[in-house]
Amino acid sequence: MQPEDRTAPAAPRGRVVMLVDNDVARDSRVQKAATSAADAGWDVHLLGCTGGPPRSWELGGAHVRLVQLRHMLVPGKRPGVLRATLRRPLAYGHPTAADYRRRLVQSRRADLAASRLEPGAGPPRKGWLLARRAAAKAQARWVAVRARQTDALAAARKNRDSPLERLAIRYWQALLGDRAWRVLDRNLWDWDSAYKNVIDELDPDIIHANDFRMLGVGARAARRARARGRATKLVWDAHEFLPGIRPWGTGPRWLAAMCAHEREYAGDADAVLTVSEALADRLVEGHGLRERPTVVLNAPVTEAAPAGGDPVPDMRELCGVGPDVPIAVYSGSASVQRGLGIMIETLPRLPGLHVALVVATARSEYVRGLAARAAELGVDDRVHVLPYVPFDQVVPFLAAADFGVVPIHHWPNHEIALITKFFEYSHARLPIVVSDVRAMGDMVKNTGQGEVFRAEDPDDYVRAVEAVLGDPGRYRAVYDERPDLLRDWTWEAQAGVLDGVYTRLAPRPARTAPPGGAGEAPGAPLIGARDRA
């Protein structure tokens, strides 16, 4: 009799804690990185954040956990934060104080007006009411003056071109150098507070910090681990050229703070990953890195989804159109700088064309604005807002469209990136209509896989769309004529690059048993398809 095979599962190669500053469901890059690293034998714990209760679930072989993030140190929350004696000496300490005073004055004047209507009031009472009315009028004028000062100060604090605000930023930069973020945007400490205890409990061999917020969180965690005698390594995955992005924060201090934060901790990374060769050049130049970053492209998963998974949704069925109706698809983050407005504004000039917007949520202010504009133009029946699909279904889902659109505006960060949707459209074998941002525009011109139009130019966009719809086979043929074009544009190829970086940093066998993994939670969120690109 042959002995029973009791081969134990291989021990994990090492514990990797991946950090991301979102809810994971909207970030295809971290989802793909986590699942492929787990498939390669790493014990992967992916930490994201939520404003609600903590949650956890399984993503392939990776454990996903959302920690609770509480924004306690957001600029503007500190009482009296707007007080500036020299700039606006009469301003209230905070806009809420001005609102309170305005409402109080209105209420008192309304009360006086009602009192004057009381029947049977004699001369003494009328005199008293007249005096109160005069006092209330004077108070209203005084409050109005102070409220205007408060509004002006609040506007000045948000004005990126305000000389005094620029002077304040330069002062803190000169005084504190790269530590200036501690004054300019203390909200970065909130992220550290949310993540640090969980990271320390997991005791990782590798910390993989995605993007600029998580860089500081990961660097400080690595320092704590090394102080405990652990040889924890830090990987920084830079998704953006931070100095060249359109600022997400509302005030002028946000970008200065984020750049200072990134510069302070960039040197802590044992290895740097990024999304393009051009961005790798910028990072070396900007941070004096010891070695050139390793490029891991935002390429899509092209292998078939596991058997038994959910079927791929039918885009045309969701849009309610047949196979002969042309569809232009946009897939990704929806914001002003992404340029989606041009797809709506030009629909009256492109009869019969439908637009499918595959975005994270139809409830965002920007997407609701696009829908309202479509209704104004009378084309709302040709605009369809669709939800994300799982990251391993993106390519076959998009393939139902006639062409993909990248109408992105000119920002320095946009000029140097080949973004996720570009690769997804390519693997879906779609013609691509892209604005003339440098990297993607040059690629499309060189390959012939689509048309390039001048960013924010409706006339040139219509020209490009009409060219693609007039001869779609010409652009699709490129994918058959150039089989090498897509060979390296796959996550399967990029996963090997990522595994090589991990192996170089933690080549030794690791612990034999991970800590208690996260169980799958009821109602685990649909895994989305996007990152910020």
Protein backbone atom coordinates (compact mmCIF):
# COMPACT_ATOMS: atom_id res chain seq x y z
CA MET A 1 0.00 0.00 0.00
CA GLN A 2 1.29 3.42 -0.92
CA PRO A 3 1.63 5.83 1.99
CA GLU A 4 -0.97 8.60 2.05
CA ASP A 5 0.30 11.88 0.64
CA ARG A 6 0.26 14.33 3.54
CA THR A 7 2.36 17.04 1.92
CA ALA A 8 1.82 20.26 3.84
CA PRO A 9 1.22 23.53 1.99
CA ALA A 10 4.37 25.48 1.32
CA ALA A 11 5.20 28.09 3.93
CA PRO A 12 4.66 31.69 2.84
CA ARG A 13 7.71 33.29 1.28
CA GLY A 14 7.22 36.33 3.49
CA ARG A 15 4.51 38.60 4.81
CA VAL A 16 3.64 41.62 2.65
CA VAL A 17 1.46 44.43 3.96
CA MET A 18 0.16 46.61 1.14
CA LEU A 19 -1.14 50.07 2.01
CA VAL A 20 -3.55 52.12 -0.07
CA ASP A 21 -5.40 55.35 0.74
CA ASN A 22 -8.81 54.25 -0.56
CA ASP A 23 -11.43 51.54 -0.11
CA VAL A 24 -9.58 49.06 -2.40
CA ALA A 25 -12.70 48.52 -4.55
CA ARG A 26 -11.77 51.46 -6.80
CA ASP A 27 -8.12 50.57 -7.27
CA SER A 28 -7.36 47.92 -9.86
CA ARG A 29 -3.57 48.23 -9.50
CA VAL A 30 -3.52 47.24 -5.84
CA GLN A 31 -6.08 44.49 -6.40
CA LYS A 32 -3.96 42.96 -9.17
CA ALA A 33 -0.75 43.36 -7.15
CA ALA A 34 -2.27 41.72 -4.07
CA THR A 35 -3.76 38.75 -5.90
CA SER A 36 -0.69 38.06 -8.04
CA ALA A 37 1.67 38.32 -5.05
CA ALA A 38 -0.54 35.90 -3.10
CA ASP A 39 -0.54 33.53 -6.07
CA ALA A 40 3.27 33.69 -6.06
CA GLY A 41 3.36 32.44 -2.45
CA TRP A 42 3.50 35.66 -0.41
CA ASP A 43 1.29 36.13 2.65
CA VAL A 44 -0.46 39.32 1.53
CA HIS A 45 -2.49 41.68 3.71
CA LEU A 46 -3.99 44.62 1.82
CA LEU A 47 -4.98 47.54 4.06
CA GLY A 48 -7.35 50.24 2.83
CA CYS A 49 -9.59 52.67 4.67
CA THR A 50 -13.23 53.53 5.23
CA GLY A 51 -15.17 56.23 7.02
CA GLY A 52 -17.47 53.58 8.48
CA PRO A 53 -16.89 50.45 10.55
CA PRO A 54 -13.81 48.33 9.71
CA ARG A 55 -14.43 45.53 7.21
CA SER A 56 -12.50 42.54 5.89
CA TRP A 57 -12.80 39.99 3.09
CA GLU A 58 -10.72 37.69 0.90
CA LEU A 59 -9.45 38.72 -2.52
CA GLY A 60 -8.08 35.60 -4.18
CA GLY A 61 -5.39 34.49 -1.77
CA ALA A 62 -4.94 37.96 -0.23
CA HIS A 63 -6.55 39.24 2.98
CA VAL A 64 -8.21 42.65 2.60
CA ARG A 65 -8.95 44.83 5.60
CA LEU A 66 -10.37 48.35 5.74
CA VAL A 67 -9.35 50.39 8.78
CA GLN A 68 -11.48 53.24 10.06
CA LEU A 69 -10.15 56.65 9.04
CA ARG A 70 -11.28 59.66 11.07
CA HIS A 71 -10.31 63.06 9.68
CA MET A 72 -9.66 64.98 12.91
CA LEU A 73 -6.79 67.21 11.75
CA VAL A 74 -8.23 68.52 8.48
CA PRO A 75 -7.24 72.15 7.87
CA GLY A 76 -10.17 74.35 8.89
CA LYS A 77 -11.43 72.13 11.71
CA ARG A 78 -9.21 73.75 14.32
CA PRO A 79 -11.17 76.38 16.29
CA GLY A 80 -10.04 79.87 15.38
CA VAL A 81 -8.04 78.63 12.41
CA LEU A 82 -9.04 81.63 10.30
CA ARG A 83 -8.09 84.26 12.85
CA ALA A 84 -5.47 86.53 11.33
CA THR A 85 -5.21 89.85 13.15
CA LEU A 86 -3.09 91.62 10.55
CA ARG A 87 -4.85 90.34 7.43
CA ARG A 88 -8.50 90.72 8.52
CA PRO A 89 -8.57 92.20 12.04
CA LEU A 90 -12.37 92.16 12.29
CA ALA A 91 -12.90 88.61 11.02
CA TYR A 92 -14.55 86.04 13.25
CA GLY A 93 -12.45 83.10 14.37
CA HIS A 94 -14.22 80.68 12.01
CA PRO A 95 -16.86 80.85 9.24
CA THR A 96 -19.30 78.96 11.47
CA ALA A 97 -19.10 81.82 13.99
CA ALA A 98 -20.02 84.27 11.23
CA ASP A 99 -22.97 82.09 10.20
CA TYR A 100 -24.12 81.92 13.81
CA ARG A 101 -23.99 85.70 14.22
CA ARG A 102 -25.85 86.30 10.96
CA ARG A 103 -28.63 83.95 11.99
CA LEU A 104 -28.83 85.47 15.50
CA VAL A 105 -29.22 88.99 14.10
CA GLN A 106 -31.90 87.83 11.66
CA SER A 107 -33.79 86.12 14.47
CA ARG A 108 -33.67 89.18 16.75
CA ARG A 109 -34.90 91.50 14.01
CA ALA A 110 -37.71 89.08 13.15
CA ASP A 111 -38.68 89.00 16.83
CA LEU A 112 -38.74 92.80 16.96
CA ALA A 113 -40.88 93.00 13.84
CA ALA A 114 -43.38 90.62 15.42
CA SER A 115 -43.38 92.60 18.69
CA ARG A 116 -44.26 95.83 16.90
CA LEU A 117 -47.47 94.17 15.68
CA GLU A 118 -48.75 93.43 19.19
CA PRO A 119 -52.09 95.18 19.81
CA GLY A 120 -52.54 97.81 22.52
CA ALA A 121 -48.91 98.92 22.86
CA GLY A 122 -48.69 102.32 24.57
CA PRO A 123 -46.10 105.07 24.01
CA PRO A 124 -43.59 103.72 26.58
CA ARG A 125 -43.53 100.30 24.95
CA LYS A 126 -43.31 101.81 21.47
CA GLY A 127 -40.36 103.90 22.60
CA TRP A 128 -38.65 100.85 24.06
CA LEU A 129 -39.23 98.87 20.84
CA LEU A 130 -37.86 101.80 18.80
CA ALA A 131 -34.67 101.79 20.87
CA ARG A 132 -34.33 98.02 20.47
CA ARG A 133 -34.85 98.36 16.73
CA ALA A 134 -32.07 100.95 16.49
CA ALA A 135 -29.74 98.72 18.52
CA ALA A 136 -30.57 95.68 16.39
CA LYS A 137 -29.94 97.66 13.20
CA ALA A 138 -26.55 98.77 14.47
CA GLN A 139 -25.70 95.23 15.51
CA ALA A 140 -26.71 93.93 12.09
CA ARG A 141 -24.37 96.39 10.38
CA TRP A 142 -21.49 95.43 12.68
CA VAL A 143 -22.05 91.71 12.14
CA ALA A 144 -22.25 92.28 8.36
CA VAL A 145 -18.87 94.06 8.41
CA ARG A 146 -17.25 91.25 10.41
CA ALA A 147 -18.89 88.54 8.31
CA ARG A 148 -17.56 90.14 5.11
CA GLN A 149 -14.10 90.18 6.69
CA THR A 150 -14.48 86.49 7.58
CA ASP A 151 -15.64 85.56 4.07
CA ALA A 152 -12.77 87.52 2.54
CA LEU A 153 -10.24 85.80 4.80
CA ALA A 154 -11.65 82.35 4.01
CA ALA A 155 -11.46 83.13 0.27
CA ALA A 156 -7.90 84.40 0.61
CA ARG A 157 -6.89 81.21 2.38
CA LYS A 158 -8.17 79.20 -0.60
CA ASN A 159 -6.66 81.49 -3.23
CA ARG A 160 -3.50 79.86 -4.57
CA ASP A 161 -2.37 83.24 -5.94
CA SER A 162 -2.80 85.15 -2.70
CA PRO A 163 0.54 86.89 -1.98
CA LEU A 164 0.14 86.55 1.79
CA GLU A 165 -0.75 82.85 1.53
CA ARG A 166 2.26 82.18 -0.70
CA LEU A 167 4.41 84.08 1.77
CA ALA A 168 3.12 81.94 4.64
CA ILE A 169 3.87 78.73 2.72
CA ARG A 170 7.38 79.91 1.85
CA TYR A 171 7.97 80.88 5.47
CA TRP A 172 7.17 77.40 6.76
CA GLN A 173 9.15 75.78 3.95
CA ALA A 174 12.19 77.92 4.79
CA LEU A 175 11.85 77.30 8.51
CA LEU A 176 11.10 73.55 8.48
CA GLY A 177 12.21 72.32 5.05
CA ASP A 178 10.53 69.03 4.11
CA ARG A 179 9.04 68.83 7.62
CA ALA A 180 6.78 71.77 6.72
CA TRP A 181 3.86 69.43 5.98
CA ARG A 182 3.40 69.09 9.74
CA VAL A 183 2.11 72.68 9.74
CA LEU A 184 0.72 72.98 6.21
CA ASP A 185 -1.51 69.88 6.34
CA ARG A 186 -1.70 67.99 9.63
CA ASN A 187 -4.36 65.70 8.16
CA LEU A 188 -1.50 63.40 7.08
CA TRP A 189 -1.20 62.38 10.74
CA ASP A 190 -4.78 61.07 10.61
CA TRP A 191 -3.72 58.48 8.03
CA ASP A 192 -0.83 57.36 10.22
CA SER A 193 -3.12 57.07 13.25
CA ALA A 194 -5.57 54.89 11.32
CA TYR A 195 -3.05 52.40 9.95
CA LYS A 196 -0.12 52.17 12.35
CA ASN A 197 -1.44 49.73 14.96
CA VAL A 198 -2.66 47.25 12.36
CA ILE A 199 0.65 47.34 10.49
CA ASP A 200 2.61 46.77 13.69
CA GLU A 201 0.39 43.83 14.65
CA LEU A 202 0.97 42.16 11.27
CA ASP A 203 4.75 42.51 11.71
CA PRO A 204 5.51 42.45 7.95
CA ASP A 205 8.66 41.48 6.09
CA ILE A 206 7.76 43.93 3.31
CA ILE A 207 5.61 47.06 3.46
CA HIS A 208 4.30 48.04 0.03
CA ALA A 209 3.14 51.69 0.25
CA ASN A 210 1.02 52.85 -2.68
CA ASP A 211 1.35 56.52 -3.59
CA PHE A 212 2.35 59.59 -1.62
CA ARG A 213 0.05 59.50 1.44
CA MET A 214 0.97 55.92 2.27
CA LEU A 215 4.69 56.56 1.77
CA GLY A 216 5.00 58.33 5.12
CA VAL A 217 2.74 55.78 6.85
CA GLY A 218 4.87 52.94 5.51
CA ALA A 219 8.20 54.64 6.24
CA ARG A 220 7.33 55.27 9.88
CA ALA A 221 6.06 51.70 10.26
CA ALA A 222 9.30 50.35 8.79
CA ARG A 223 11.31 52.47 11.20
CA ARG A 224 9.32 51.10 14.16
CA ALA A 225 9.84 47.54 12.93
CA ARG A 226 13.58 48.03 12.58
CA ALA A 227 13.73 49.48 16.09
CA ARG A 228 12.23 46.16 17.26
CA GLY A 229 15.01 44.27 15.47
CA ARG A 230 13.02 43.31 12.34
CA ALA A 231 14.59 43.64 8.88
CA THR A 232 11.40 45.05 7.37
CA LYS A 233 11.77 46.47 3.86
CA LEU A 234 9.81 49.36 2.36
CA VAL A 235 8.56 49.39 -1.23
CA TRP A 236 7.16 52.68 -2.48
CA ASP A 237 4.81 52.41 -5.46
CA ALA A 238 4.61 55.91 -7.01
CA HIS A 239 1.47 56.19 -9.13
CA GLU A 240 1.62 59.94 -9.79
CA PHE A 241 4.06 62.71 -10.62
CA LEU A 242 2.95 64.63 -7.55
CA PRO A 243 4.27 68.12 -8.45
CA GLY A 244 2.36 67.88 -11.74
CA ILE A 245 -1.09 66.78 -10.58
CA ARG A 246 -4.21 68.91 -10.38
CA PRO A 247 -4.48 69.44 -6.60
CA TRP A 248 -7.21 67.43 -4.90
CA GLY A 249 -7.27 69.61 -1.79
CA THR A 250 -9.20 72.87 -1.70
CA GLY A 251 -6.51 75.17 -0.35
CA PRO A 252 -3.12 76.28 -1.70
CA ARG A 253 -1.22 74.54 1.11
CA TRP A 254 -2.29 71.01 0.14
CA LEU A 255 0.10 70.39 -2.75
CA ALA A 256 3.03 72.04 -0.98
CA ALA A 257 2.38 69.81 2.04
CA MET A 258 2.08 66.59 -0.01
CA CYS A 259 5.29 67.33 -1.94
CA ALA A 260 7.20 68.04 1.27
CA HIS A 261 5.85 64.81 2.80
CA GLU A 262 6.93 62.80 -0.24
CA ARG A 263 10.42 64.36 -0.30
CA GLU A 264 10.94 63.65 3.42
CA TYR A 265 10.24 59.92 3.12
CA ALA A 266 11.28 59.04 -0.45
CA GLY A 267 14.78 58.17 0.73
CA ASP A 268 13.40 55.57 3.18
CA ALA A 269 12.29 53.26 0.37
CA ASP A 270 14.39 50.13 -0.19
CA ALA A 271 12.84 49.83 -3.65
CA VAL A 272 10.70 52.16 -5.73
CA LEU A 273 8.10 51.06 -8.27
CA THR A 274 6.33 53.33 -10.72
CA VAL A 275 4.02 53.22 -13.72
CA SER A 276 6.12 54.55 -16.61
CA GLU A 277 9.70 55.18 -17.71
CA ALA A 278 9.04 58.93 -17.92
CA LEU A 279 7.83 59.02 -14.32
CA ALA A 280 10.87 56.96 -13.26
CA ASP A 281 13.09 59.67 -14.75
CA ARG A 282 11.20 62.38 -12.85
CA LEU A 283 11.49 60.50 -9.55
CA VAL A 284 15.24 60.02 -9.92
CA GLU A 285 15.66 63.69 -10.75
CA GLY A 286 13.34 64.96 -8.02
CA HIS A 287 14.42 62.73 -5.12
CA GLY A 288 18.01 61.72 -5.91
CA LEU A 289 17.08 58.05 -5.57
CA ARG A 290 19.88 55.55 -5.03
CA GLU A 291 18.65 53.40 -7.91
CA ARG A 292 16.24 53.85 -10.79
CA PRO A 293 12.63 52.87 -10.02
CA THR A 294 11.35 49.60 -11.45
CA VAL A 295 8.49 50.12 -13.91
CA VAL A 296 5.36 48.03 -13.32
CA LEU A 297 2.82 49.05 -15.94
CA ASN A 298 -0.87 49.51 -15.15
CA ALA A 299 -1.63 46.67 -17.56
CA PRO A 300 -4.85 44.61 -17.43
CA VAL A 301 -5.37 41.00 -16.49
CA THR A 302 -5.77 39.09 -19.75
CA GLU A 303 -6.06 35.50 -18.54
CA ALA A 304 -9.59 34.16 -18.35
CA ALA A 305 -11.46 34.65 -15.08
CA PRO A 306 -11.67 31.53 -12.90
CA ALA A 307 -14.37 29.04 -13.87
CA GLY A 308 -17.53 29.40 -11.86
CA GLY A 309 -17.15 33.16 -11.49
CA ASP A 310 -19.85 35.66 -12.36
CA PRO A 311 -20.46 36.06 -16.09
CA VAL A 312 -19.12 39.17 -17.80
CA PRO A 313 -21.89 41.82 -18.00
CA ASP A 314 -23.06 42.76 -21.48
CA MET A 315 -22.43 46.46 -22.04
CA ARG A 316 -24.93 46.68 -24.89
CA GLU A 317 -27.62 45.05 -22.81
CA LEU A 318 -26.96 47.49 -19.97
CA CYS A 319 -27.21 50.38 -22.44
CA GLY A 320 -30.32 48.92 -24.06
CA VAL A 321 -28.92 49.03 -27.60
CA GLY A 322 -28.41 46.50 -30.35
CA PRO A 323 -25.21 45.33 -32.05
CA ASP A 324 -25.35 47.96 -34.80
CA VAL A 325 -25.54 51.02 -32.53
CA PRO A 326 -22.13 52.72 -32.11
CA ILE A 327 -20.90 53.14 -28.52
CA ALA A 328 -18.06 55.35 -27.31
CA VAL A 329 -16.83 54.16 -23.92
CA TYR A 330 -14.95 55.96 -21.17
CA SER A 331 -13.77 53.80 -18.28
CA GLY A 332 -12.17 55.23 -15.15
CA SER A 333 -12.20 58.10 -12.69
CA ALA A 334 -14.66 60.89 -13.45
CA SER A 335 -13.47 64.43 -12.77
CA VAL A 336 -13.08 67.75 -14.54
CA GLN A 337 -9.47 67.14 -15.56
CA ARG A 338 -10.47 63.83 -17.17
CA GLY A 339 -12.35 65.85 -19.79
CA LEU A 340 -15.55 63.80 -20.01
CA GLY A 341 -17.59 66.91 -20.76
CA ILE A 342 -16.45 66.93 -24.38
CA MET A 343 -18.11 63.55 -24.93
CA ILE A 344 -21.47 65.01 -23.85
CA GLU A 345 -21.20 68.43 -25.50
CA THR A 346 -20.51 66.95 -28.94
CA LEU A 347 -23.30 64.33 -28.96
CA PRO A 348 -25.75 66.61 -30.85
CA ARG A 349 -23.17 66.71 -33.67
CA LEU A 350 -22.71 62.92 -33.68
CA PRO A 351 -26.19 61.51 -34.38
CA GLY A 352 -26.74 57.90 -33.41
CA LEU A 353 -23.65 57.67 -31.20
CA HIS A 354 -24.16 56.48 -27.62
CA VAL A 355 -21.77 57.20 -24.73
CA ALA A 356 -21.08 54.68 -21.96
CA LEU A 357 -19.40 56.11 -18.86
CA VAL A 358 -18.02 53.26 -16.71
CA VAL A 359 -17.35 55.11 -13.46
CA ALA A 360 -17.16 54.41 -9.73
CA THR A 361 -20.46 56.09 -8.87
CA ALA A 362 -23.30 57.79 -10.68
CA ARG A 363 -23.95 59.90 -7.55
CA SER A 364 -20.86 62.07 -7.67
CA GLU A 365 -21.45 65.76 -8.24
CA TYR A 366 -19.44 65.73 -11.46
CA VAL A 367 -21.27 62.76 -12.99
CA ARG A 368 -24.65 64.20 -12.00
CA GLY A 369 -23.58 67.42 -13.71
CA LEU A 370 -22.78 65.52 -16.91
CA ALA A 371 -26.18 63.84 -16.81
CA ALA A 372 -27.91 67.19 -16.28
CA ARG A 373 -26.04 68.70 -19.23
CA ALA A 374 -27.03 65.74 -21.42
CA ALA A 375 -30.66 66.39 -20.50
CA GLU A 376 -30.30 70.08 -21.40
CA LEU A 377 -28.93 69.10 -24.82
CA GLY A 378 -31.71 66.53 -25.35
CA VAL A 379 -29.26 63.60 -25.61
CA ASP A 380 -29.76 61.99 -22.20
CA ASP A 381 -31.25 58.90 -23.88
CA ARG A 382 -27.83 58.32 -25.47
CA VAL A 383 -25.76 58.67 -22.29
CA HIS A 384 -25.40 55.62 -20.03
CA VAL A 385 -23.65 55.64 -16.65
CA LEU A 386 -22.47 52.11 -15.88
CA PRO A 387 -20.84 50.67 -12.75
CA TYR A 388 -17.38 49.18 -12.46
CA VAL A 389 -16.95 45.47 -13.08
CA PRO A 390 -14.41 43.12 -11.41
CA PHE A 391 -10.88 43.88 -12.58
CA ASP A 392 -10.51 40.53 -14.38
CA GLN A 393 -13.65 41.25 -16.45
CA VAL A 394 -12.75 44.74 -17.63
CA VAL A 395 -11.25 43.81 -21.01
CA PRO A 396 -14.10 41.56 -22.27
CA PHE A 397 -16.64 44.06 -20.90
CA LEU A 398 -15.10 46.96 -22.82
CA ALA A 399 -14.78 44.92 -26.01
CA ALA A 400 -18.50 45.42 -26.70
CA ALA A 401 -17.92 49.13 -27.47
CA ASP A 402 -16.88 50.57 -30.84
CA PHE A 403 -14.05 52.75 -29.55
CA GLY A 404 -12.51 53.93 -26.29
CA VAL A 405 -12.01 57.57 -25.36
CA VAL A 406 -9.25 59.21 -23.28
CA PRO A 407 -10.23 62.93 -23.33
CA ILE A 408 -7.79 63.88 -20.58
CA HIS A 409 -6.67 67.52 -20.16
CA HIS A 410 -3.12 68.84 -20.22
CA TRP A 411 -1.51 68.53 -16.79
CA PRO A 412 2.16 67.65 -16.28
CA ASN A 413 1.22 64.35 -14.66
CA HIS A 414 -1.02 63.44 -17.61
CA GLU A 415 1.71 64.07 -20.17
CA ILE A 416 3.99 61.28 -18.97
CA ALA A 417 1.62 58.39 -18.27
CA LEU A 418 0.28 55.44 -20.21
CA ILE A 419 -2.73 55.00 -17.97
CA THR A 420 -4.75 51.92 -17.11
CA LYS A 421 -7.62 52.55 -19.50
CA PHE A 422 -5.19 52.91 -22.43
CA PHE A 423 -3.98 49.34 -21.94
CA GLU A 424 -7.50 48.06 -21.28
CA TYR A 425 -8.83 49.60 -24.51
CA SER A 426 -5.87 48.11 -26.37
CA HIS A 427 -6.48 44.57 -25.08
CA ALA A 428 -10.17 44.98 -25.90
CA ARG A 429 -8.90 45.72 -29.45
CA LEU A 430 -10.74 49.03 -29.56
CA PRO A 431 -9.74 52.01 -31.67
CA ILE A 432 -8.67 54.76 -29.26
CA VAL A 433 -9.61 58.45 -29.47
CA VAL A 434 -7.13 60.26 -27.21
CA SER A 435 -6.29 63.89 -26.51
CA ASP A 436 -2.85 65.13 -27.49
CA VAL A 437 -1.17 64.51 -24.14
CA ARG A 438 2.39 63.54 -24.88
CA ALA A 439 2.86 59.88 -23.96
CA MET A 440 -0.48 58.48 -25.10
CA GLY A 441 -0.80 60.80 -28.07
CA ASP A 442 2.64 59.82 -29.37
CA MET A 443 1.90 56.13 -28.84
CA VAL A 444 -1.35 56.27 -30.83
CA LYS A 445 0.33 58.21 -33.64
CA ASN A 446 3.16 55.66 -33.80
CA THR A 447 0.96 52.55 -33.70
CA GLY A 448 -2.01 53.79 -35.72
CA GLN A 449 -4.46 52.27 -33.24
CA GLY A 450 -6.62 55.38 -33.09
CA GLU A 451 -6.91 59.14 -33.58
CA VAL A 452 -5.42 62.04 -31.61
CA PHE A 453 -7.35 65.28 -31.08
CA ARG A 454 -6.44 68.60 -29.48
CA ALA A 455 -7.42 68.49 -25.82
CA GLU A 456 -10.59 70.47 -25.00
CA ASP A 457 -11.26 71.15 -28.72
CA PRO A 458 -14.79 69.94 -29.59
CA ASP A 459 -14.32 70.40 -33.35
CA ASP A 460 -11.18 68.29 -33.41
CA TYR A 461 -12.78 65.68 -31.18
CA VAL A 462 -15.71 65.34 -33.61
CA ARG A 463 -13.22 64.97 -36.47
CA ALA A 464 -11.39 62.16 -34.65
CA VAL A 465 -14.61 60.32 -33.77
CA GLU A 466 -15.95 60.55 -37.33
CA ALA A 467 -12.65 59.20 -38.67
CA VAL A 468 -12.79 56.18 -36.36
CA LEU A 469 -16.46 55.46 -37.05
CA GLY A 470 -15.85 55.85 -40.79
CA ASP A 471 -13.27 53.06 -40.95
CA PRO A 472 -13.04 51.12 -37.65
CA GLY A 473 -11.43 48.10 -39.30
CA ARG A 474 -8.36 50.14 -40.20
CA TYR A 475 -7.60 50.84 -36.53
CA ARG A 476 -8.51 47.38 -35.23
CA ALA A 477 -6.24 45.77 -37.82
CA VAL A 478 -3.22 47.21 -36.00
CA TYR A 479 -3.65 44.68 -33.21
CA ASP A 480 -3.42 41.78 -35.71
CA GLU A 481 -0.56 43.32 -37.66
CA ARG A 482 1.45 44.06 -34.50
CA PRO A 483 1.17 41.03 -32.17
CA ASP A 484 4.17 42.36 -30.23
CA LEU A 485 2.16 45.45 -29.29
CA LEU A 486 0.17 43.71 -26.56
CA ARG A 487 2.66 41.09 -25.47
CA ASP A 488 4.16 43.08 -22.59
CA TRP A 489 1.01 45.07 -21.89
CA THR A 490 -0.40 42.39 -19.58
CA TRP A 491 -0.54 42.17 -15.82
CA GLU A 492 0.73 38.61 -16.06
CA ALA A 493 4.03 40.00 -17.39
CA GLN A 494 4.11 42.81 -14.82
CA ALA A 495 3.42 40.41 -11.94
CA GLY A 496 6.75 38.73 -12.62
CA VAL A 497 8.50 42.10 -12.34
CA LEU A 498 6.81 42.78 -8.99
CA ASP A 499 7.69 39.32 -7.66
CA GLY A 500 11.32 39.90 -8.64
CA VAL A 501 11.45 43.06 -6.53
CA TYR A 502 9.96 41.27 -3.51
CA THR A 503 12.34 38.33 -3.90
CA ARG A 504 15.35 40.63 -4.01
CA LEU A 505 14.26 42.39 -0.81
CA ALA A 506 13.19 39.31 1.21
CA PRO A 507 14.90 36.26 -0.31
CA ARG A 508 14.90 34.15 2.86
CA PRO A 509 12.16 31.69 3.91
CA ALA A 510 9.70 33.41 6.21
CA ARG A 511 7.47 32.42 9.09
CA THR A 512 5.45 29.26 8.80
CA ALA A 513 2.10 30.57 10.03
CA PRO A 514 0.47 33.92 9.38
CA PRO A 515 -1.62 35.67 11.98
CA GLY A 516 -5.35 35.09 11.95
CA GLY A 517 -6.45 35.96 8.43
CA ALA A 518 -9.46 38.02 7.58
CA GLY A 519 -12.56 35.99 6.95
CA GLU A 520 -14.89 36.86 4.15
CA ALA A 521 -17.42 39.38 5.36
CA PRO A 522 -21.06 39.28 4.35
CA GLY A 523 -21.71 41.92 1.76
CA ALA A 524 -18.07 42.26 0.74
CA PRO A 525 -17.91 45.05 -1.84
CA LEU A 526 -17.81 44.49 -5.56
CA ILE A 527 -14.20 44.64 -6.57
CA GLY A 528 -13.86 47.56 -8.92
CA ALA A 529 -11.79 48.14 -11.97
CA ARG A 530 -9.97 51.38 -11.53
CA ASP A 531 -7.14 53.30 -10.10
CA ARG A 532 -6.84 57.10 -10.32
CA ALA A 533 -5.45 57.11 -13.80
